[in-house]
N, C-alpha and C. Protein backbone atom coordinates (compact mmCIF):
# COMPACT_ATOMS: atom_id res chain seq x y z
N MET A 1 0.90 -1.19 0.07
CA MET A 1 -0.16 0.07 0.08
C MET A 1 0.83 1.17 0.14
N ARG A 2 1.94 1.26 0.70
CA ARG A 2 2.73 2.14 1.17
C ARG A 2 3.61 2.63 -0.17
N ALA A 3 3.96 1.60 -1.26
CA ALA A 3 4.45 1.56 -2.44
C ALA A 3 3.38 2.44 -3.57
N LEU A 4 2.22 1.98 -3.44
CA LEU A 4 1.40 2.77 -4.16
C LEU A 4 1.10 4.35 -3.76
N ALA A 5 1.23 4.44 -2.58
CA ALA A 5 1.27 5.97 -2.63
C ALA A 5 2.50 6.82 -2.74
N LEU A 6 3.47 6.16 -2.76
CA LEU A 6 4.83 6.62 -3.59
C LEU A 6 4.66 6.76 -5.37
N ILE A 7 4.08 5.71 -5.77
CA ILE A 7 4.18 5.74 -7.54
C ILE A 7 2.98 6.69 -7.94
N ALA A 8 2.02 6.71 -7.00
CA ALA A 8 0.62 7.31 -7.82
C ALA A 8 1.18 9.19 -8.26
N PRO A 9 1.65 9.53 -7.26
CA PRO A 9 2.12 10.87 -7.80
C PRO A 9 2.74 11.23 -9.21
N LEU A 10 3.77 10.19 -8.81
CA LEU A 10 4.54 10.24 -10.22
C LEU A 10 3.92 9.86 -11.44
N VAL A 11 2.69 8.78 -11.46
CA VAL A 11 1.70 8.50 -12.16
C VAL A 11 1.00 9.91 -12.81
N LEU A 12 0.43 10.45 -11.61
CA LEU A 12 -0.01 11.83 -12.28
C LEU A 12 0.54 12.70 -12.85
N LEU A 13 1.68 13.19 -12.34
CA LEU A 13 2.88 14.55 -12.85
C LEU A 13 2.86 13.66 -14.30
N THR A 14 2.94 12.44 -14.68
CA THR A 14 3.63 11.96 -15.79
C THR A 14 2.26 12.19 -16.75
N ALA A 15 1.32 11.69 -16.31
CA ALA A 15 -0.03 11.90 -17.05
C ALA A 15 -0.31 13.46 -17.37
N CYS A 16 0.09 14.51 -16.56
CA CYS A 16 -0.24 15.81 -16.76
C CYS A 16 0.76 16.11 -17.98
N SER A 17 1.93 15.95 -17.93
CA SER A 17 3.05 16.42 -18.77
C SER A 17 2.73 15.95 -20.11
N GLN A 18 2.20 14.61 -20.55
CA GLN A 18 2.07 13.93 -21.81
C GLN A 18 0.98 15.25 -22.44
N GLY A 19 1.40 15.41 -23.84
CA GLY A 19 0.50 16.01 -24.47
C GLY A 19 0.74 17.22 -24.78
N GLU A 20 1.33 17.78 -23.79
CA GLU A 20 1.77 19.39 -23.86
C GLU A 20 3.11 19.62 -24.48
N GLU A 21 3.09 20.49 -25.17
CA GLU A 21 4.10 20.89 -25.90
C GLU A 21 4.96 22.01 -25.40
N PRO A 22 5.99 22.30 -25.34
CA PRO A 22 6.72 23.62 -24.60
C PRO A 22 6.32 24.52 -25.68
N ALA A 23 6.23 25.59 -25.29
CA ALA A 23 6.03 26.99 -26.22
C ALA A 23 7.56 26.97 -26.76
N PRO A 24 7.60 27.89 -28.03
CA PRO A 24 8.46 27.78 -28.87
C PRO A 24 9.10 29.40 -28.11
N ALA A 25 10.59 28.95 -28.38
CA ALA A 25 11.59 30.28 -27.69
C ALA A 25 10.97 31.55 -28.73
N PRO A 26 10.97 32.57 -28.28
CA PRO A 26 10.66 33.87 -29.10
C PRO A 26 11.83 34.38 -29.45
N GLU A 27 11.78 34.65 -31.23
CA GLU A 27 12.76 34.89 -32.20
C GLU A 27 13.53 36.08 -31.10
N PRO A 28 14.76 35.80 -31.42
CA PRO A 28 15.69 37.01 -30.84
C PRO A 28 15.57 38.42 -31.72
N ALA A 29 15.36 39.01 -30.78
CA ALA A 29 15.11 40.96 -31.53
C ALA A 29 16.42 41.19 -32.26
N GLU A 30 16.06 41.58 -33.55
CA GLU A 30 17.14 42.06 -33.98
C GLU A 30 17.85 43.33 -33.19
N PRO A 31 19.16 43.51 -33.04
CA PRO A 31 19.58 44.39 -32.31
C PRO A 31 19.75 45.79 -32.70
N GLU A 32 19.37 46.72 -31.69
CA GLU A 32 19.29 48.09 -32.52
C GLU A 32 20.52 48.57 -32.24
N LEU A 33 20.78 49.18 -33.74
CA LEU A 33 22.06 49.97 -34.40
C LEU A 33 21.84 51.22 -34.42
N VAL A 34 22.83 52.17 -33.63
CA VAL A 34 22.41 53.14 -33.44
C VAL A 34 23.75 54.03 -33.62
N LEU A 35 23.40 55.22 -34.67
CA LEU A 35 24.38 56.06 -34.72
C LEU A 35 24.45 57.27 -34.60
N GLY A 36 24.99 58.11 -33.44
CA GLY A 36 24.22 59.54 -32.69
C GLY A 36 22.88 59.02 -32.27
N ASP A 37 21.88 59.60 -32.58
CA ASP A 37 20.47 59.60 -32.04
C ASP A 37 19.68 58.72 -33.19
N VAL A 38 20.42 58.21 -34.27
CA VAL A 38 19.88 57.80 -35.19
C VAL A 38 19.85 56.29 -35.51
N SER A 39 18.55 55.84 -35.85
CA SER A 39 18.38 54.72 -35.52
C SER A 39 19.01 53.53 -37.20
N LEU A 40 19.71 52.85 -36.84
CA LEU A 40 20.21 52.51 -38.71
C LEU A 40 19.21 51.36 -38.92
N ASN A 41 18.22 50.90 -38.04
CA ASN A 41 17.27 49.96 -38.44
C ASN A 41 16.26 50.31 -39.14
N GLU A 42 16.19 51.89 -39.17
CA GLU A 42 15.27 52.09 -39.98
C GLU A 42 15.59 52.62 -41.39
N PRO A 43 14.66 53.06 -42.16
CA PRO A 43 15.32 53.40 -43.31
C PRO A 43 15.85 54.64 -43.41
N LEU A 44 17.17 54.91 -44.29
CA LEU A 44 17.94 56.02 -43.90
C LEU A 44 18.01 56.68 -45.44
N ARG A 45 18.20 58.10 -45.49
CA ARG A 45 18.64 58.69 -46.87
C ARG A 45 19.73 59.81 -46.87
N ALA A 46 20.73 59.42 -47.57
CA ALA A 46 22.03 60.11 -47.81
C ALA A 46 21.59 61.31 -49.10
N LEU A 47 22.21 62.62 -48.99
CA LEU A 47 21.76 63.32 -50.41
C LEU A 47 22.74 64.13 -50.33
N GLY A 48 22.72 64.78 -51.28
CA GLY A 48 24.00 65.99 -51.75
C GLY A 48 23.53 66.71 -52.53
N THR A 49 24.23 67.95 -52.96
CA THR A 49 24.00 68.99 -53.94
C THR A 49 25.00 68.89 -54.72
N GLU A 50 25.06 69.68 -55.73
CA GLU A 50 26.19 69.86 -56.83
C GLU A 50 27.15 68.76 -57.21
N PRO A 51 26.66 67.68 -57.91
CA PRO A 51 25.41 67.21 -58.38
C PRO A 51 24.53 66.91 -57.54
N PHE A 52 23.39 66.97 -57.62
CA PHE A 52 22.14 66.28 -56.63
C PHE A 52 22.17 64.76 -57.05
N TRP A 53 22.22 64.21 -55.82
CA TRP A 53 21.97 62.95 -55.78
C TRP A 53 21.50 62.40 -54.24
N ALA A 54 21.12 61.17 -54.43
CA ALA A 54 20.43 60.50 -53.21
C ALA A 54 20.99 58.82 -53.20
N VAL A 55 21.04 58.56 -51.94
CA VAL A 55 20.95 57.16 -51.62
C VAL A 55 20.02 56.72 -50.71
N ASN A 56 19.02 55.88 -50.86
CA ASN A 56 18.18 55.40 -49.90
C ASN A 56 18.59 54.01 -49.42
N ILE A 57 18.52 53.99 -48.04
CA ILE A 57 19.29 52.71 -47.69
C ILE A 57 18.10 51.80 -46.51
N ASP A 58 17.50 51.05 -46.96
CA ASP A 58 16.67 50.21 -46.22
C ASP A 58 16.72 48.78 -46.13
N GLY A 59 15.58 47.71 -45.38
CA GLY A 59 16.26 46.24 -45.53
C GLY A 59 16.05 45.68 -47.13
N ALA A 60 15.49 46.60 -47.95
CA ALA A 60 15.44 45.92 -49.65
C ALA A 60 17.29 46.15 -50.53
N GLY A 61 17.62 47.31 -49.70
CA GLY A 61 18.94 47.40 -50.35
C GLY A 61 19.38 48.94 -50.15
N LEU A 62 20.21 49.11 -51.01
CA LEU A 62 20.79 50.47 -51.32
C LEU A 62 20.36 50.93 -52.66
N VAL A 63 19.92 52.30 -52.70
CA VAL A 63 19.32 52.51 -54.24
C VAL A 63 20.31 53.97 -54.26
N TYR A 64 20.96 54.01 -55.31
CA TYR A 64 21.49 55.20 -55.54
C TYR A 64 20.82 55.86 -56.79
N SER A 65 20.53 57.29 -56.49
CA SER A 65 20.19 57.96 -57.77
C SER A 65 20.75 59.61 -57.70
N GLY A 66 20.67 59.72 -59.10
CA GLY A 66 21.42 61.31 -59.27
C GLY A 66 20.76 61.70 -60.73
N VAL A 67 20.71 62.99 -60.81
CA VAL A 67 20.22 63.94 -61.94
C VAL A 67 21.13 63.27 -62.80
N ASP A 68 20.21 63.34 -64.25
CA ASP A 68 20.89 62.49 -65.39
C ASP A 68 21.80 61.22 -65.22
N ARG A 69 21.49 60.64 -64.23
CA ARG A 69 22.16 59.21 -64.18
C ARG A 69 21.25 58.08 -63.70
N PRO A 70 21.15 56.89 -64.41
CA PRO A 70 20.56 55.70 -64.00
C PRO A 70 20.45 55.56 -62.52
N GLU A 71 19.15 55.46 -62.07
CA GLU A 71 19.10 54.40 -60.38
C GLU A 71 19.97 53.06 -60.51
N GLU A 72 20.53 52.80 -59.33
CA GLU A 72 21.52 51.71 -59.46
C GLU A 72 21.06 51.19 -58.04
N ARG A 73 20.97 49.70 -57.91
CA ARG A 73 20.71 49.03 -56.80
C ARG A 73 21.70 48.10 -56.29
N ALA A 74 21.69 47.95 -55.02
CA ALA A 74 23.03 47.11 -54.51
C ALA A 74 22.30 46.60 -53.13
N PRO A 75 22.72 45.41 -52.86
CA PRO A 75 21.89 44.63 -51.67
C PRO A 75 22.55 45.27 -50.29
N ASN A 76 21.78 45.20 -49.58
CA ASN A 76 21.95 45.77 -48.23
C ASN A 76 22.18 44.93 -47.20
N ASP A 77 23.66 44.31 -47.04
CA ASP A 77 24.14 43.18 -45.93
C ASP A 77 24.46 43.77 -44.51
N GLY A 78 24.07 44.99 -44.37
CA GLY A 78 24.19 45.54 -43.03
C GLY A 78 25.23 46.50 -42.79
N PRO A 79 25.17 47.18 -41.98
CA PRO A 79 26.47 48.20 -41.80
C PRO A 79 27.58 47.69 -41.19
N GLN A 80 28.83 47.95 -41.39
CA GLN A 80 29.88 47.72 -40.72
C GLN A 80 30.05 48.97 -39.76
N ILE A 81 30.28 49.03 -38.40
CA ILE A 81 30.37 49.91 -37.56
C ILE A 81 31.52 49.95 -36.80
N ALA A 82 32.14 51.15 -36.74
CA ALA A 82 33.36 51.37 -36.44
C ALA A 82 33.27 52.97 -35.57
N GLY A 83 33.21 52.63 -33.95
CA GLY A 83 33.28 54.10 -33.44
C GLY A 83 32.10 54.92 -33.97
N THR A 84 32.36 56.09 -34.44
CA THR A 84 31.35 57.10 -34.94
C THR A 84 31.20 56.80 -36.41
N THR A 85 31.30 55.87 -37.11
CA THR A 85 30.97 55.52 -38.53
C THR A 85 30.00 54.29 -38.99
N ALA A 86 29.23 54.45 -39.74
CA ALA A 86 28.81 53.29 -40.21
C ALA A 86 29.05 53.25 -41.55
N MET A 87 28.92 51.80 -42.10
CA MET A 87 29.71 51.89 -43.84
C MET A 87 29.04 50.73 -44.62
N TRP A 88 28.24 50.66 -45.35
CA TRP A 88 27.95 50.03 -46.37
C TRP A 88 28.40 49.86 -47.46
N SER A 89 28.52 48.74 -47.97
CA SER A 89 29.54 48.58 -49.36
C SER A 89 28.30 47.36 -50.02
N GLY A 90 28.63 47.16 -51.41
CA GLY A 90 27.92 46.45 -52.18
C GLY A 90 28.16 46.43 -53.77
N GLN A 91 28.07 45.74 -54.50
CA GLN A 91 28.08 45.98 -56.04
C GLN A 91 26.38 46.14 -56.75
N THR A 92 26.64 47.10 -57.43
CA THR A 92 25.11 47.62 -58.07
C THR A 92 24.77 46.69 -59.07
N ASP A 93 23.77 46.68 -59.53
CA ASP A 93 23.16 46.16 -60.65
C ASP A 93 23.68 46.31 -61.93
N GLU A 94 24.75 47.57 -61.85
CA GLU A 94 25.04 47.93 -63.07
C GLU A 94 26.89 47.51 -62.89
N GLY A 95 27.24 46.88 -61.92
CA GLY A 95 28.57 46.21 -61.61
C GLY A 95 29.26 47.11 -61.27
N ARG A 96 29.14 48.34 -60.86
CA ARG A 96 29.79 49.30 -59.54
C ARG A 96 29.87 48.96 -58.24
N THR A 97 31.37 49.43 -57.41
CA THR A 97 31.09 49.29 -56.32
C THR A 97 30.13 50.57 -55.58
N LEU A 98 29.28 50.23 -54.91
CA LEU A 98 28.47 51.35 -54.06
C LEU A 98 29.14 51.45 -52.36
N SER A 99 29.77 52.68 -51.90
CA SER A 99 29.93 52.24 -50.58
C SER A 99 29.22 53.56 -49.94
N VAL A 100 28.83 53.50 -48.87
CA VAL A 100 27.89 54.52 -48.33
C VAL A 100 28.64 54.66 -46.99
N THR A 101 29.32 55.85 -46.42
CA THR A 101 29.86 55.68 -45.30
C THR A 101 28.95 57.06 -44.42
N LEU A 102 28.53 56.94 -43.12
CA LEU A 102 27.53 57.84 -42.50
C LEU A 102 28.54 58.03 -41.34
N ILE A 103 28.62 59.39 -40.98
CA ILE A 103 29.77 59.53 -40.00
C ILE A 103 28.85 60.37 -38.66
N GLU A 104 28.94 60.11 -37.55
CA GLU A 104 28.33 61.19 -36.53
C GLU A 104 28.50 62.18 -36.23
N THR A 105 28.54 63.21 -37.58
CA THR A 105 28.68 64.64 -37.36
C THR A 105 27.47 65.28 -38.09
N ALA A 106 27.12 66.48 -37.11
CA ALA A 106 25.90 67.36 -37.84
C ALA A 106 26.15 67.89 -38.89
N CYS A 107 25.49 67.97 -39.85
CA CYS A 107 25.82 68.48 -41.34
C CYS A 107 24.77 69.16 -41.91
N SER A 108 25.32 70.37 -42.68
CA SER A 108 24.22 71.28 -43.33
C SER A 108 24.44 70.81 -44.92
N ASP A 109 23.52 71.07 -45.39
CA ASP A 109 23.07 70.85 -47.15
C ASP A 109 23.64 71.52 -47.74
N GLY A 110 23.86 72.73 -47.29
CA GLY A 110 24.32 74.41 -47.77
C GLY A 110 23.47 74.91 -48.47
N MET A 111 22.06 74.38 -49.02
CA MET A 111 20.77 75.01 -49.54
C MET A 111 19.75 74.95 -48.70
N SER A 112 19.72 74.63 -47.83
CA SER A 112 18.60 74.93 -46.41
C SER A 112 19.07 75.30 -45.05
N ASP A 113 18.15 75.45 -44.27
CA ASP A 113 18.60 75.50 -43.05
C ASP A 113 18.71 74.55 -42.14
N ARG A 114 18.29 73.49 -42.45
CA ARG A 114 18.27 71.91 -42.19
C ARG A 114 19.51 71.62 -41.38
N THR A 115 19.75 71.35 -40.44
CA THR A 115 20.73 70.25 -39.85
C THR A 115 20.40 69.10 -39.87
N TYR A 116 21.31 68.32 -40.53
CA TYR A 116 21.20 66.70 -40.65
C TYR A 116 22.01 66.20 -39.26
N PRO A 117 21.43 65.10 -38.58
CA PRO A 117 22.32 64.50 -37.78
C PRO A 117 23.63 63.94 -38.28
N LEU A 118 23.72 63.59 -39.57
CA LEU A 118 25.05 62.56 -40.00
C LEU A 118 25.46 63.22 -41.09
N THR A 119 26.69 62.78 -41.44
CA THR A 119 27.58 63.29 -42.35
C THR A 119 27.37 62.28 -43.52
N ALA A 120 27.46 62.10 -44.64
CA ALA A 120 27.43 61.03 -45.62
C ALA A 120 28.70 61.58 -46.61
N ARG A 121 29.30 60.09 -47.21
CA ARG A 121 30.43 59.89 -48.11
C ARG A 121 30.01 58.92 -48.95
N VAL A 122 29.92 59.24 -49.98
CA VAL A 122 29.28 58.03 -50.88
C VAL A 122 30.41 58.07 -52.21
N GLU A 123 31.00 56.55 -52.37
CA GLU A 123 31.58 56.46 -53.69
C GLU A 123 30.93 55.27 -54.33
N ILE A 124 30.69 55.87 -55.56
CA ILE A 124 30.21 54.69 -56.75
C ILE A 124 30.91 55.04 -57.66
N GLY A 125 31.55 53.65 -58.31
CA GLY A 125 32.63 53.64 -59.30
C GLY A 125 33.67 54.76 -58.95
N GLU A 126 33.94 55.71 -59.62
CA GLU A 126 35.07 56.50 -59.79
C GLU A 126 34.40 57.79 -58.95
N ASP A 127 33.22 58.00 -58.54
CA ASP A 127 32.69 59.21 -58.15
C ASP A 127 32.97 59.17 -56.85
N VAL A 128 33.12 60.38 -56.09
CA VAL A 128 33.09 60.46 -54.49
C VAL A 128 32.14 61.75 -54.58
N LEU A 129 31.24 61.72 -53.37
CA LEU A 129 30.31 62.49 -53.42
C LEU A 129 29.97 62.82 -51.75
N ASN A 130 29.84 63.92 -51.42
CA ASN A 130 29.81 64.56 -49.78
C ASN A 130 28.34 65.18 -49.69
N GLY A 131 28.03 64.65 -48.57
CA GLY A 131 26.51 64.94 -48.51
C GLY A 131 26.15 65.03 -46.83
N CYS A 132 24.77 64.75 -46.61
CA CYS A 132 24.55 64.62 -45.41
C CYS A 132 23.28 63.46 -45.28
N ALA A 133 23.05 63.15 -43.93
CA ALA A 133 22.02 62.02 -44.11
C ALA A 133 20.97 62.23 -42.86
N ALA A 134 20.07 61.15 -42.74
CA ALA A 134 18.95 61.33 -41.66
C ALA A 134 18.11 60.00 -42.08
N SER A 135 17.33 60.09 -41.03
CA SER A 135 16.29 58.74 -41.19
C SER A 135 15.29 59.56 -42.37
N VAL A 136 14.63 58.60 -42.62
CA VAL A 136 13.56 59.08 -43.64
C VAL A 136 12.36 59.79 -42.84
N ASP A 137 12.32 59.30 -42.02
CA ASP A 137 11.19 59.81 -40.89
C ASP A 137 11.47 61.33 -40.58
N PHE A 138 12.76 61.26 -40.24
CA PHE A 138 13.36 63.33 -39.56
C PHE A 138 13.18 63.56 -40.99
N LEU A 139 13.20 63.30 -42.30
CA LEU A 139 13.17 64.05 -43.59
C LEU A 139 11.82 64.40 -43.56
N MET A 140 10.75 63.46 -43.53
CA MET A 140 9.51 63.64 -43.73
C MET A 140 8.57 64.61 -42.76
N ASN A 141 9.26 64.64 -41.61
CA ASN A 141 8.54 65.19 -40.30
C ASN A 141 9.32 66.79 -40.11
N THR A 142 10.09 67.17 -40.73
CA THR A 142 10.68 68.39 -40.33
C THR A 142 10.73 69.08 -41.81
N ASP A 143 10.77 70.36 -41.47
CA ASP A 143 10.59 71.18 -42.52
C ASP A 143 11.93 71.68 -42.93
N GLU A 144 12.37 72.74 -43.98
CA GLU A 144 13.85 73.30 -44.55
C GLU A 144 14.22 73.70 -43.17
N GLN A 145 13.96 74.30 -42.30
CA GLN A 145 14.54 74.87 -41.27
C GLN A 145 14.67 73.63 -40.06
N GLY A 146 14.15 72.70 -40.19
CA GLY A 146 14.72 71.80 -39.25
C GLY A 146 13.43 71.82 -38.45
N ARG A 147 12.46 72.30 -38.70
CA ARG A 147 11.29 72.21 -37.36
C ARG A 147 10.31 71.15 -37.79
N PRO A 148 9.64 70.65 -36.88
CA PRO A 148 8.51 70.00 -36.71
C PRO A 148 7.52 69.97 -37.51
N ARG A 149 7.16 69.27 -38.52
CA ARG A 149 5.83 70.10 -39.69
C ARG A 149 4.48 69.87 -38.70
N ALA A 150 4.00 70.54 -38.94
CA ALA A 150 2.35 70.99 -37.94
C ALA A 150 1.55 69.90 -38.46
């Protein structure tokens, strides 16, 4: 009888645990990459003047465009971060190397009163372009003077 009293709780525990599958482990969150106060996980835009050019950076890739220049696309394998810089590099669909370096230094585009949180340097093929960068959200929600849009 005593043996039955010892075995009964084990049988009950075994019965309760059968059929229940453990909950799947949650996916690890993508680490937040930040340069200055700018999240590198968000869509970004680097841009410049003389000549006018832009590079959009998002999860789908790097997209370079310029006045009187064909749009070129490169894959986004994520940035290499070193201190106060972040760099993306890839081969465009036109076979040229596209490198984008963002630097944690405030920047003015020289044509507006907007101050951008990052300075940009873009190398595409033989061209070296200097400009500014920010999140697309910042650009869409501030005016040319850098004030929040109403």
